[in-house]
Amino acid sequence: MNQKNNLILFAVLILATFSRLFISIPNFTAIGALALFCGANVSRQKYSMLIPFTALLAGDLMLAGTGKLYSDYFVDGYFLFVYFAFAITWLLGRRIRNSYTFIKVVKMSVLSSVLFFLITNFGSWMQMPFYPKTIAGLGEAYAAGLVFYKGDALSNFFLNQVAGDLFFNLLFFAALSYFIKKSEDLLTTEKVRS
């Protein structure tokens, strides 16, 4: 990613961080998309990883301050499963770095949502005492993650995750492609005039 695209990255970072505070649909956020986007587009590995994890931590701390986040999230270690799932998403972004297409972005987006679901619900099974530490208990944890907890279409954490990741990934990658194309058109126009 060159310096001309830093403004896009900054806008994506702000949107991802605050999407967790202002979008009332559970798990419909831009954080997962930010991890995939940075993995695929930010060339310096240190910044590529630092940006999404800073946004994730900032959002977690803001949510903890508003009381929307359970007080034991950091204490009981559940956050480690969440951060690990986002690290996997970042690695999926690195996998398509400089060679992504619409289809690859969609595939990686859905794959990252599925992996996030599997990893974080495994964490719930490990952390929550009411799940028996058996295969059946693990199945209960996964089934609980699929339940429509309010009985409406927007109350399924997994489906919201898939929809949010797809929406924000397509938005971020399309915006970047659009601005790259506009920059190339502008450079071509300037060269023709010279």
N, C-alpha and C. Protein backbone atom coordinates (compact mmCIF):
# COMPACT_ATOMS: atom_id res chain seq x y z
N MET A 1 0.86 -1.16 0.00
CA MET A 1 0.00 0.00 0.00
C MET A 1 0.90 1.23 0.00
N ASN A 2 0.70 2.14 -0.94
CA ASN A 2 1.54 3.33 -0.99
C ASN A 2 0.94 4.45 -0.16
N GLN A 3 1.65 5.58 -0.09
CA GLN A 3 1.23 6.67 0.78
C GLN A 3 -0.09 7.30 0.34
N LYS A 4 -0.39 7.26 -0.95
CA LYS A 4 -1.65 7.83 -1.42
C LYS A 4 -2.84 7.10 -0.84
N ASN A 5 -2.65 5.85 -0.47
CA ASN A 5 -3.75 5.06 0.05
C ASN A 5 -3.83 5.05 1.58
N ASN A 6 -2.94 5.81 2.24
CA ASN A 6 -2.95 5.86 3.69
C ASN A 6 -4.25 6.45 4.24
N LEU A 7 -4.85 7.38 3.52
CA LEU A 7 -6.11 7.97 3.95
C LEU A 7 -7.21 6.90 3.96
N ILE A 8 -7.22 6.03 2.97
CA ILE A 8 -8.19 4.94 2.93
C ILE A 8 -7.99 4.04 4.14
N LEU A 9 -6.74 3.69 4.42
CA LEU A 9 -6.43 2.83 5.56
C LEU A 9 -6.88 3.48 6.87
N PHE A 10 -6.63 4.77 7.01
CA PHE A 10 -7.04 5.48 8.22
C PHE A 10 -8.56 5.46 8.36
N ALA A 11 -9.27 5.70 7.27
CA ALA A 11 -10.75 5.68 7.30
C ALA A 11 -11.26 4.29 7.66
N VAL A 12 -10.64 3.26 7.11
CA VAL A 12 -11.02 1.88 7.39
C VAL A 12 -10.78 1.58 8.88
N LEU A 13 -9.65 2.02 9.41
CA LEU A 13 -9.32 1.80 10.82
C LEU A 13 -10.35 2.44 11.73
N ILE A 14 -10.70 3.69 11.46
CA ILE A 14 -11.68 4.39 12.29
C ILE A 14 -13.05 3.72 12.18
N LEU A 15 -13.46 3.38 10.97
CA LEU A 15 -14.75 2.72 10.77
C LEU A 15 -14.79 1.38 11.51
N ALA A 16 -13.73 0.62 11.41
CA ALA A 16 -13.69 -0.69 12.07
C ALA A 16 -13.76 -0.55 13.58
N THR A 17 -13.00 0.37 14.14
CA THR A 17 -12.99 0.55 15.58
C THR A 17 -14.36 0.96 16.10
N PHE A 18 -14.96 1.94 15.46
CA PHE A 18 -16.22 2.48 15.97
C PHE A 18 -17.44 1.69 15.52
N SER A 19 -17.27 0.79 14.56
CA SER A 19 -18.42 -0.03 14.14
C SER A 19 -18.92 -0.87 15.30
N ARG A 20 -18.04 -1.25 16.18
CA ARG A 20 -18.44 -2.07 17.33
C ARG A 20 -19.26 -1.28 18.33
N LEU A 21 -19.11 0.03 18.34
CA LEU A 21 -19.83 0.85 19.30
C LEU A 21 -21.18 1.32 18.78
N PHE A 22 -21.27 1.56 17.48
CA PHE A 22 -22.45 2.22 16.94
C PHE A 22 -23.38 1.35 16.11
N ILE A 23 -22.95 0.15 15.77
CA ILE A 23 -23.83 -0.76 15.05
C ILE A 23 -24.45 -1.69 16.09
N SER A 24 -25.75 -1.69 16.17
CA SER A 24 -26.42 -2.43 17.24
C SER A 24 -26.68 -3.90 16.91
N ILE A 25 -26.29 -4.35 15.72
CA ILE A 25 -26.46 -5.75 15.36
C ILE A 25 -25.25 -6.52 15.92
N PRO A 26 -25.47 -7.47 16.81
CA PRO A 26 -24.35 -8.20 17.41
C PRO A 26 -23.47 -8.89 16.36
N ASN A 27 -22.17 -8.75 16.49
CA ASN A 27 -21.16 -9.37 15.62
C ASN A 27 -21.13 -8.82 14.20
N PHE A 28 -21.93 -7.84 13.88
CA PHE A 28 -21.89 -7.21 12.55
C PHE A 28 -20.97 -6.00 12.68
N THR A 29 -19.66 -6.27 12.59
CA THR A 29 -18.66 -5.21 12.74
C THR A 29 -17.62 -5.31 11.64
N ALA A 30 -16.75 -4.33 11.61
CA ALA A 30 -15.72 -4.27 10.57
C ALA A 30 -14.36 -4.75 11.06
N ILE A 31 -14.25 -5.23 12.27
CA ILE A 31 -12.94 -5.61 12.81
C ILE A 31 -12.33 -6.80 12.05
N GLY A 32 -13.11 -7.82 11.81
CA GLY A 32 -12.60 -8.97 11.04
C GLY A 32 -12.18 -8.56 9.65
N ALA A 33 -12.96 -7.69 9.03
CA ALA A 33 -12.63 -7.20 7.69
C ALA A 33 -11.33 -6.39 7.73
N LEU A 34 -11.14 -5.63 8.79
CA LEU A 34 -9.90 -4.85 8.93
C LEU A 34 -8.69 -5.78 8.99
N ALA A 35 -8.81 -6.88 9.73
CA ALA A 35 -7.69 -7.83 9.83
C ALA A 35 -7.38 -8.44 8.47
N LEU A 36 -8.39 -8.85 7.73
CA LEU A 36 -8.18 -9.42 6.40
C LEU A 36 -7.61 -8.38 5.44
N PHE A 37 -8.18 -7.18 5.47
CA PHE A 37 -7.75 -6.08 4.60
C PHE A 37 -6.29 -5.70 4.85
N CYS A 38 -5.93 -5.54 6.12
CA CYS A 38 -4.54 -5.18 6.44
C CYS A 38 -3.58 -6.30 6.07
N GLY A 39 -3.99 -7.54 6.32
CA GLY A 39 -3.14 -8.66 5.93
C GLY A 39 -2.87 -8.68 4.44
N ALA A 40 -3.87 -8.31 3.66
CA ALA A 40 -3.75 -8.35 2.20
C ALA A 40 -3.10 -7.10 1.61
N ASN A 41 -3.18 -5.97 2.30
CA ASN A 41 -2.78 -4.71 1.66
C ASN A 41 -1.67 -3.90 2.31
N VAL A 42 -1.43 -4.10 3.57
CA VAL A 42 -0.38 -3.31 4.24
C VAL A 42 0.93 -4.06 4.11
N SER A 43 1.89 -3.45 3.43
CA SER A 43 3.11 -4.18 3.08
C SER A 43 4.02 -4.45 4.28
N ARG A 44 4.17 -3.50 5.17
CA ARG A 44 5.03 -3.72 6.33
C ARG A 44 4.31 -4.63 7.32
N GLN A 45 4.87 -5.80 7.54
CA GLN A 45 4.21 -6.81 8.36
C GLN A 45 3.91 -6.30 9.76
N LYS A 46 4.82 -5.54 10.34
CA LYS A 46 4.62 -5.03 11.70
C LYS A 46 3.36 -4.17 11.77
N TYR A 47 3.20 -3.24 10.82
CA TYR A 47 2.02 -2.38 10.81
C TYR A 47 0.78 -3.13 10.37
N SER A 48 0.99 -4.06 9.47
CA SER A 48 -0.11 -4.85 8.95
C SER A 48 -0.83 -5.58 10.07
N MET A 49 -0.09 -6.06 11.04
CA MET A 49 -0.67 -6.77 12.17
C MET A 49 -1.07 -5.80 13.29
N LEU A 50 -0.28 -4.79 13.50
CA LEU A 50 -0.52 -3.84 14.59
C LEU A 50 -1.83 -3.08 14.41
N ILE A 51 -2.16 -2.70 13.19
CA ILE A 51 -3.35 -1.88 12.93
C ILE A 51 -4.63 -2.60 13.36
N PRO A 52 -4.91 -3.82 12.89
CA PRO A 52 -6.18 -4.44 13.31
C PRO A 52 -6.22 -4.78 14.80
N PHE A 53 -5.07 -5.15 15.38
CA PHE A 53 -5.09 -5.51 16.79
C PHE A 53 -5.21 -4.28 17.68
N THR A 54 -4.69 -3.16 17.23
CA THR A 54 -4.89 -1.91 17.97
C THR A 54 -6.36 -1.52 17.93
N ALA A 55 -6.99 -1.66 16.77
CA ALA A 55 -8.42 -1.35 16.65
C ALA A 55 -9.25 -2.29 17.51
N LEU A 56 -8.91 -3.56 17.53
CA LEU A 56 -9.63 -4.54 18.34
C LEU A 56 -9.50 -4.21 19.82
N LEU A 57 -8.29 -3.93 20.27
CA LEU A 57 -8.06 -3.61 21.67
C LEU A 57 -8.74 -2.30 22.05
N ALA A 58 -8.65 -1.29 21.19
CA ALA A 58 -9.31 -0.01 21.47
C ALA A 58 -10.81 -0.20 21.62
N GLY A 59 -11.40 -0.97 20.72
CA GLY A 59 -12.83 -1.24 20.81
C GLY A 59 -13.19 -2.01 22.07
N ASP A 60 -12.37 -3.01 22.41
CA ASP A 60 -12.61 -3.78 23.64
C ASP A 60 -12.58 -2.88 24.86
N LEU A 61 -11.60 -2.00 24.92
CA LEU A 61 -11.48 -1.10 26.08
C LEU A 61 -12.63 -0.11 26.13
N MET A 62 -13.05 0.39 24.97
CA MET A 62 -14.20 1.31 24.94
C MET A 62 -15.47 0.58 25.39
N LEU A 63 -15.66 -0.64 24.91
CA LEU A 63 -16.84 -1.41 25.31
C LEU A 63 -16.81 -1.74 26.80
N ALA A 64 -15.62 -2.06 27.31
CA ALA A 64 -15.50 -2.35 28.74
C ALA A 64 -15.88 -1.11 29.55
N GLY A 65 -15.52 0.07 29.06
CA GLY A 65 -15.84 1.32 29.75
C GLY A 65 -17.31 1.67 29.72
N THR A 66 -18.03 1.17 28.71
CA THR A 66 -19.46 1.47 28.62
C THR A 66 -20.31 0.42 29.30
N GLY A 67 -19.69 -0.64 29.79
CA GLY A 67 -20.42 -1.70 30.45
C GLY A 67 -21.03 -2.70 29.49
N LYS A 68 -20.79 -2.54 28.20
CA LYS A 68 -21.35 -3.47 27.22
C LYS A 68 -20.55 -4.78 27.14
N LEU A 69 -19.36 -4.76 27.69
CA LEU A 69 -18.52 -5.95 27.63
C LEU A 69 -18.47 -6.57 29.03
N TYR A 70 -18.57 -7.88 29.09
CA TYR A 70 -18.53 -8.54 30.39
C TYR A 70 -17.21 -8.22 31.09
N SER A 71 -17.30 -8.00 32.38
CA SER A 71 -16.11 -7.60 33.14
C SER A 71 -15.05 -8.69 33.18
N ASP A 72 -15.43 -9.93 32.97
CA ASP A 72 -14.46 -11.02 33.05
C ASP A 72 -13.82 -11.36 31.71
N TYR A 73 -14.10 -10.60 30.66
CA TYR A 73 -13.59 -10.88 29.32
C TYR A 73 -12.07 -10.99 29.31
N PHE A 74 -11.38 -10.05 29.94
CA PHE A 74 -9.92 -10.09 29.99
C PHE A 74 -9.42 -10.97 31.13
N VAL A 75 -10.15 -10.99 32.23
CA VAL A 75 -9.71 -11.71 33.42
C VAL A 75 -9.68 -13.22 33.20
N ASP A 76 -10.75 -13.75 32.58
CA ASP A 76 -10.81 -15.21 32.43
C ASP A 76 -10.05 -15.74 31.22
N GLY A 77 -9.52 -14.85 30.42
CA GLY A 77 -8.70 -15.27 29.28
C GLY A 77 -9.45 -15.55 28.00
N TYR A 78 -10.77 -15.33 28.00
CA TYR A 78 -11.55 -15.60 26.78
C TYR A 78 -11.05 -14.75 25.61
N PHE A 79 -10.58 -13.55 25.90
CA PHE A 79 -10.09 -12.66 24.84
C PHE A 79 -8.99 -13.31 24.01
N LEU A 80 -8.24 -14.24 24.60
CA LEU A 80 -7.16 -14.91 23.87
C LEU A 80 -7.71 -15.68 22.66
N PHE A 81 -8.87 -16.29 22.81
CA PHE A 81 -9.48 -17.02 21.70
C PHE A 81 -9.93 -16.04 20.61
N VAL A 82 -10.49 -14.91 21.03
CA VAL A 82 -10.93 -13.89 20.07
C VAL A 82 -9.73 -13.33 19.30
N TYR A 83 -8.67 -12.97 20.02
CA TYR A 83 -7.49 -12.40 19.37
C TYR A 83 -6.80 -13.43 18.48
N PHE A 84 -6.79 -14.69 18.91
CA PHE A 84 -6.23 -15.75 18.08
C PHE A 84 -7.02 -15.90 16.78
N ALA A 85 -8.35 -15.83 16.88
CA ALA A 85 -9.20 -15.93 15.68
C ALA A 85 -8.92 -14.78 14.71
N PHE A 86 -8.70 -13.58 15.25
CA PHE A 86 -8.38 -12.46 14.37
C PHE A 86 -6.96 -12.59 13.79
N ALA A 87 -6.06 -13.21 14.51
CA ALA A 87 -4.72 -13.46 13.96
C ALA A 87 -4.82 -14.41 12.76
N ILE A 88 -5.68 -15.40 12.86
CA ILE A 88 -5.90 -16.33 11.74
C ILE A 88 -6.47 -15.56 10.54
N THR A 89 -7.41 -14.66 10.81
CA THR A 89 -7.98 -13.84 9.74
C THR A 89 -6.90 -13.00 9.07
N TRP A 90 -6.01 -12.42 9.88
CA TRP A 90 -4.91 -11.63 9.33
C TRP A 90 -4.02 -12.51 8.44
N LEU A 91 -3.74 -13.73 8.90
CA LEU A 91 -2.92 -14.65 8.09
C LEU A 91 -3.61 -15.00 6.77
N LEU A 92 -4.93 -15.13 6.79
CA LEU A 92 -5.66 -15.37 5.54
C LEU A 92 -5.49 -14.19 4.59
N GLY A 93 -5.47 -12.99 5.14
CA GLY A 93 -5.22 -11.80 4.32
C GLY A 93 -3.82 -11.84 3.72
N ARG A 94 -2.83 -12.24 4.50
CA ARG A 94 -1.46 -12.34 3.98
C ARG A 94 -1.38 -13.36 2.85
N ARG A 95 -2.21 -14.37 2.96
CA ARG A 95 -2.21 -15.44 1.95
C ARG A 95 -2.65 -14.92 0.57
N ILE A 96 -3.53 -13.92 0.54
CA ILE A 96 -4.00 -13.38 -0.75
C ILE A 96 -3.33 -12.05 -1.08
N ARG A 97 -2.31 -11.71 -0.35
CA ARG A 97 -1.63 -10.44 -0.54
C ARG A 97 -1.18 -10.25 -1.98
N ASN A 98 -1.50 -9.10 -2.53
CA ASN A 98 -1.12 -8.69 -3.89
C ASN A 98 -1.68 -9.58 -4.99
N SER A 99 -2.57 -10.50 -4.65
CA SER A 99 -3.15 -11.36 -5.70
C SER A 99 -4.62 -11.63 -5.45
N TYR A 100 -5.30 -10.70 -4.80
CA TYR A 100 -6.70 -10.98 -4.50
C TYR A 100 -7.62 -10.59 -5.65
N THR A 101 -8.70 -11.34 -5.71
CA THR A 101 -9.78 -11.10 -6.66
C THR A 101 -11.07 -11.06 -5.84
N PHE A 102 -12.16 -10.70 -6.48
CA PHE A 102 -13.46 -10.68 -5.81
C PHE A 102 -13.75 -12.04 -5.18
N ILE A 103 -13.54 -13.10 -5.95
CA ILE A 103 -13.83 -14.46 -5.46
C ILE A 103 -12.94 -14.80 -4.27
N LYS A 104 -11.66 -14.47 -4.33
CA LYS A 104 -10.76 -14.76 -3.21
C LYS A 104 -11.16 -14.00 -1.96
N VAL A 105 -11.57 -12.75 -2.11
CA VAL A 105 -11.99 -11.96 -0.96
C VAL A 105 -13.24 -12.57 -0.33
N VAL A 106 -14.19 -12.98 -1.16
CA VAL A 106 -15.41 -13.61 -0.64
C VAL A 106 -15.07 -14.92 0.08
N LYS A 107 -14.24 -15.75 -0.54
CA LYS A 107 -13.86 -17.03 0.07
C LYS A 107 -13.16 -16.82 1.40
N MET A 108 -12.18 -15.92 1.43
CA MET A 108 -11.43 -15.68 2.67
C MET A 108 -12.31 -15.04 3.73
N SER A 109 -13.25 -14.22 3.31
CA SER A 109 -14.17 -13.60 4.24
C SER A 109 -15.04 -14.65 4.93
N VAL A 110 -15.62 -15.53 4.15
CA VAL A 110 -16.47 -16.59 4.71
C VAL A 110 -15.63 -17.55 5.56
N LEU A 111 -14.46 -17.92 5.06
CA LEU A 111 -13.58 -18.81 5.82
C LEU A 111 -13.19 -18.18 7.16
N SER A 112 -12.87 -16.90 7.16
CA SER A 112 -12.49 -16.24 8.41
C SER A 112 -13.66 -16.22 9.39
N SER A 113 -14.88 -16.03 8.89
CA SER A 113 -16.07 -16.05 9.76
C SER A 113 -16.27 -17.43 10.38
N VAL A 114 -16.13 -18.46 9.57
CA VAL A 114 -16.30 -19.83 10.06
C VAL A 114 -15.23 -20.15 11.10
N LEU A 115 -13.97 -19.79 10.81
CA LEU A 115 -12.90 -20.06 11.77
C LEU A 115 -13.09 -19.28 13.06
N PHE A 116 -13.54 -18.03 12.94
CA PHE A 116 -13.81 -17.23 14.13
C PHE A 116 -14.88 -17.92 14.98
N PHE A 117 -15.94 -18.39 14.36
CA PHE A 117 -17.01 -19.09 15.07
C PHE A 117 -16.45 -20.33 15.77
N LEU A 118 -15.70 -21.14 15.05
CA LEU A 118 -15.17 -22.38 15.61
C LEU A 118 -14.21 -22.11 16.78
N ILE A 119 -13.32 -21.15 16.61
CA ILE A 119 -12.31 -20.86 17.64
C ILE A 119 -12.95 -20.24 18.88
N THR A 120 -13.81 -19.24 18.69
CA THR A 120 -14.37 -18.55 19.85
C THR A 120 -15.39 -19.41 20.60
N ASN A 121 -16.14 -20.25 19.89
CA ASN A 121 -17.06 -21.14 20.60
C ASN A 121 -16.32 -22.28 21.28
N PHE A 122 -15.17 -22.68 20.74
CA PHE A 122 -14.30 -23.61 21.45
C PHE A 122 -13.83 -22.96 22.74
N GLY A 123 -13.49 -21.66 22.66
CA GLY A 123 -13.09 -20.92 23.86
C GLY A 123 -14.21 -20.85 24.89
N SER A 124 -15.44 -20.67 24.43
CA SER A 124 -16.59 -20.66 25.35
C SER A 124 -16.71 -22.02 26.05
N TRP A 125 -16.55 -23.08 25.28
CA TRP A 125 -16.62 -24.42 25.85
C TRP A 125 -15.53 -24.62 26.90
N MET A 126 -14.33 -24.13 26.62
CA MET A 126 -13.22 -24.27 27.56
C MET A 126 -13.44 -23.42 28.83
N GLN A 127 -14.00 -22.23 28.66
CA GLN A 127 -14.10 -21.27 29.76
C GLN A 127 -15.35 -21.42 30.62
N MET A 128 -16.45 -21.82 30.03
CA MET A 128 -17.72 -21.81 30.75
C MET A 128 -17.93 -23.13 31.49
N PRO A 129 -18.17 -23.03 32.79
CA PRO A 129 -18.28 -24.26 33.59
C PRO A 129 -19.52 -25.10 33.31
N PHE A 130 -20.56 -24.51 32.71
CA PHE A 130 -21.79 -25.28 32.50
C PHE A 130 -21.72 -26.19 31.27
N TYR A 131 -20.65 -26.07 30.45
CA TYR A 131 -20.48 -27.00 29.35
C TYR A 131 -19.64 -28.19 29.82
N PRO A 132 -20.17 -29.42 29.71
CA PRO A 132 -19.34 -30.56 30.07
C PRO A 132 -18.12 -30.63 29.15
N LYS A 133 -17.00 -31.01 29.70
CA LYS A 133 -15.76 -31.08 28.91
C LYS A 133 -15.69 -32.41 28.17
N THR A 134 -16.69 -32.57 27.31
CA THR A 134 -16.81 -33.77 26.47
C THR A 134 -17.11 -33.31 25.04
N ILE A 135 -17.10 -34.24 24.11
CA ILE A 135 -17.46 -33.91 22.73
C ILE A 135 -18.90 -33.40 22.68
N ALA A 136 -19.77 -34.01 23.47
CA ALA A 136 -21.17 -33.55 23.52
C ALA A 136 -21.25 -32.12 24.05
N GLY A 137 -20.44 -31.81 25.04
CA GLY A 137 -20.40 -30.45 25.59
C GLY A 137 -19.90 -29.45 24.56
N LEU A 138 -18.90 -29.86 23.79
CA LEU A 138 -18.40 -28.99 22.72
C LEU A 138 -19.49 -28.77 21.67
N GLY A 139 -20.22 -29.82 21.36
CA GLY A 139 -21.35 -29.70 20.43
C GLY A 139 -22.40 -28.73 20.96
N GLU A 140 -22.65 -28.76 22.27
CA GLU A 140 -23.59 -27.83 22.89
C GLU A 140 -23.11 -26.38 22.72
N ALA A 141 -21.81 -26.17 22.90
CA ALA A 141 -21.25 -24.82 22.76
C ALA A 141 -21.41 -24.32 21.33
N TYR A 142 -21.16 -25.18 20.36
CA TYR A 142 -21.33 -24.78 18.96
C TYR A 142 -22.80 -24.55 18.63
N ALA A 143 -23.68 -25.41 19.14
CA ALA A 143 -25.12 -25.24 18.89
C ALA A 143 -25.62 -23.93 19.51
N ALA A 144 -25.13 -23.61 20.70
CA ALA A 144 -25.54 -22.37 21.36
C ALA A 144 -25.12 -21.15 20.54
N GLY A 145 -24.00 -21.26 19.85
CA GLY A 145 -23.53 -20.15 19.01
C GLY A 145 -24.38 -19.95 17.76
N LEU A 146 -25.18 -20.93 17.42
CA LEU A 146 -26.03 -20.84 16.22
C LEU A 146 -27.47 -20.44 16.53
N VAL A 147 -27.82 -20.40 17.79
CA VAL A 147 -29.21 -20.13 18.19
C VAL A 147 -29.56 -18.67 17.92
N PHE A 148 -30.79 -18.46 17.49
CA PHE A 148 -31.34 -17.11 17.37
C PHE A 148 -31.81 -16.73 18.77
N TYR A 149 -30.95 -16.02 19.52
CA TYR A 149 -31.21 -15.83 20.94
C TYR A 149 -32.41 -14.94 21.24
N LYS A 150 -32.86 -14.11 20.32
CA LYS A 150 -34.05 -13.29 20.54
C LYS A 150 -35.21 -13.74 19.65
N GLY A 151 -34.97 -14.72 18.82
CA GLY A 151 -36.02 -15.21 17.94
C GLY A 151 -36.23 -14.36 16.71
N ASP A 152 -35.32 -13.43 16.43
CA ASP A 152 -35.48 -12.63 15.20
C ASP A 152 -34.27 -12.83 14.29
N ALA A 153 -34.40 -12.34 13.08
CA ALA A 153 -33.38 -12.58 12.04
C ALA A 153 -32.03 -11.96 12.35
N LEU A 154 -31.98 -10.95 13.20
CA LEU A 154 -30.71 -10.28 13.50
C LEU A 154 -30.09 -10.75 14.80
N SER A 155 -30.54 -11.88 15.31
CA SER A 155 -30.04 -12.32 16.62
C SER A 155 -29.19 -13.58 16.54
N ASN A 156 -28.59 -13.84 15.41
CA ASN A 156 -27.72 -15.00 15.28
C ASN A 156 -26.28 -14.51 15.12
N PHE A 157 -25.46 -14.77 16.12
CA PHE A 157 -24.08 -14.26 16.12
C PHE A 157 -23.30 -14.73 14.90
N PHE A 158 -23.45 -16.00 14.53
CA PHE A 158 -22.68 -16.52 13.40
C PHE A 158 -23.10 -15.89 12.08
N LEU A 159 -24.40 -15.85 11.81
CA LEU A 159 -24.86 -15.25 10.55
C LEU A 159 -24.52 -13.76 10.48
N ASN A 160 -24.62 -13.09 11.61
CA ASN A 160 -24.24 -11.67 11.65
C ASN A 160 -22.75 -11.50 11.35
N GLN A 161 -21.93 -12.41 11.87
CA GLN A 161 -20.49 -12.36 11.61
C GLN A 161 -20.22 -12.53 10.11
N VAL A 162 -20.84 -13.52 9.50
CA VAL A 162 -20.65 -13.76 8.07
C VAL A 162 -21.09 -12.55 7.26
N ALA A 163 -22.28 -12.03 7.57
CA ALA A 163 -22.81 -10.87 6.84
C ALA A 163 -21.93 -9.64 7.03
N GLY A 164 -21.51 -9.39 8.27
CA GLY A 164 -20.65 -8.23 8.54
C GLY A 164 -19.30 -8.34 7.86
N ASP A 165 -18.69 -9.52 7.95
CA ASP A 165 -17.39 -9.70 7.30
C ASP A 165 -17.50 -9.52 5.79
N LEU A 166 -18.51 -10.12 5.19
CA LEU A 166 -18.69 -9.97 3.74
C LEU A 166 -18.94 -8.51 3.36
N PHE A 167 -19.85 -7.86 4.06
CA PHE A 167 -20.18 -6.47 3.75
C PHE A 167 -18.94 -5.58 3.84
N PHE A 168 -18.25 -5.62 4.98
CA PHE A 168 -17.12 -4.71 5.18
C PHE A 168 -15.91 -5.10 4.32
N ASN A 169 -15.67 -6.40 4.12
CA ASN A 169 -14.57 -6.79 3.23
C ASN A 169 -14.81 -6.27 1.81
N LEU A 170 -16.01 -6.47 1.31
CA LEU A 170 -16.31 -6.00 -0.05
C LEU A 170 -16.22 -4.48 -0.12
N LEU A 171 -16.69 -3.80 0.91
CA LEU A 171 -16.60 -2.34 0.95
C LEU A 171 -15.14 -1.88 0.95
N PHE A 172 -14.32 -2.43 1.82
CA PHE A 172 -12.92 -2.00 1.94
C PHE A 172 -12.12 -2.31 0.67
N PHE A 173 -12.24 -3.53 0.18
CA PHE A 173 -11.47 -3.92 -1.01
C PHE A 173 -11.95 -3.17 -2.25
N ALA A 174 -13.26 -2.96 -2.35
CA ALA A 174 -13.79 -2.21 -3.50
C ALA A 174 -13.35 -0.75 -3.44
N ALA A 175 -13.37 -0.15 -2.25
CA ALA A 175 -12.93 1.25 -2.12
C ALA A 175 -11.47 1.38 -2.51
N LEU A 176 -10.64 0.47 -2.04
CA LEU A 176 -9.22 0.52 -2.40
C LEU A 176 -9.03 0.36 -3.90
N SER A 177 -9.70 -0.60 -4.50
CA SER A 177 -9.59 -0.81 -5.95
C SER A 177 -10.05 0.42 -6.72
N TYR A 178 -11.13 1.03 -6.26
CA TYR A 178 -11.65 2.23 -6.91
C TYR A 178 -10.62 3.37 -6.85
N PHE A 179 -10.04 3.60 -5.69
CA PHE A 179 -9.07 4.69 -5.56
C PHE A 179 -7.77 4.41 -6.29
N ILE A 180 -7.36 3.16 -6.34
CA ILE A 180 -6.17 2.80 -7.12
C ILE A 180 -6.43 3.06 -8.59
N LYS A 181 -7.60 2.65 -9.07
CA LYS A 181 -7.96 2.87 -10.48
C LYS A 181 -8.01 4.37 -10.79
N LYS A 182 -8.62 5.15 -9.91
CA LYS A 182 -8.69 6.60 -10.11
C LYS A 182 -7.30 7.22 -10.14
N SER A 183 -6.41 6.76 -9.25
CA SER A 183 -5.04 7.28 -9.23
C SER A 183 -4.31 6.94 -10.52
N GLU A 184 -4.49 5.71 -11.00
CA GLU A 184 -3.85 5.31 -12.26
C GLU A 184 -4.39 6.11 -13.43
N ASP A 185 -5.69 6.36 -13.46
CA ASP A 185 -6.30 7.16 -14.53
C ASP A 185 -5.76 8.59 -14.50
N LEU A 186 -5.60 9.13 -13.30
CA LEU A 186 -5.08 10.49 -13.15
C LEU A 186 -3.63 10.57 -13.63
N LEU A 187 -2.83 9.57 -13.27
CA LEU A 187 -1.43 9.55 -13.72
C LEU A 187 -1.35 9.42 -15.24
N THR A 188 -2.21 8.57 -15.81
CA THR A 188 -2.22 8.40 -17.26
C THR A 188 -2.61 9.70 -17.95
N THR A 189 -3.59 10.38 -17.42
CA THR A 189 -4.04 11.66 -17.97
C THR A 189 -2.93 12.70 -17.90
N GLU A 190 -2.23 12.74 -16.79
CA GLU A 190 -1.12 13.70 -16.61
C GLU A 190 0.03 13.40 -17.58
N LYS A 191 0.32 12.12 -17.80
CA LYS A 191 1.39 11.76 -18.73
C LYS A 191 1.03 12.14 -20.16
N VAL A 192 -0.23 11.97 -20.52
CA VAL A 192 -0.68 12.32 -21.88
C VAL A 192 -0.57 13.83 -22.09
N ARG A 193 -0.86 14.61 -21.08
CA ARG A 193 -0.80 16.08 -21.18
C ARG A 193 0.64 16.58 -21.24
N SER A 194 1.57 15.83 -20.66
CA SER A 194 2.97 16.28 -20.61
C SER A 194 3.68 16.22 -21.90
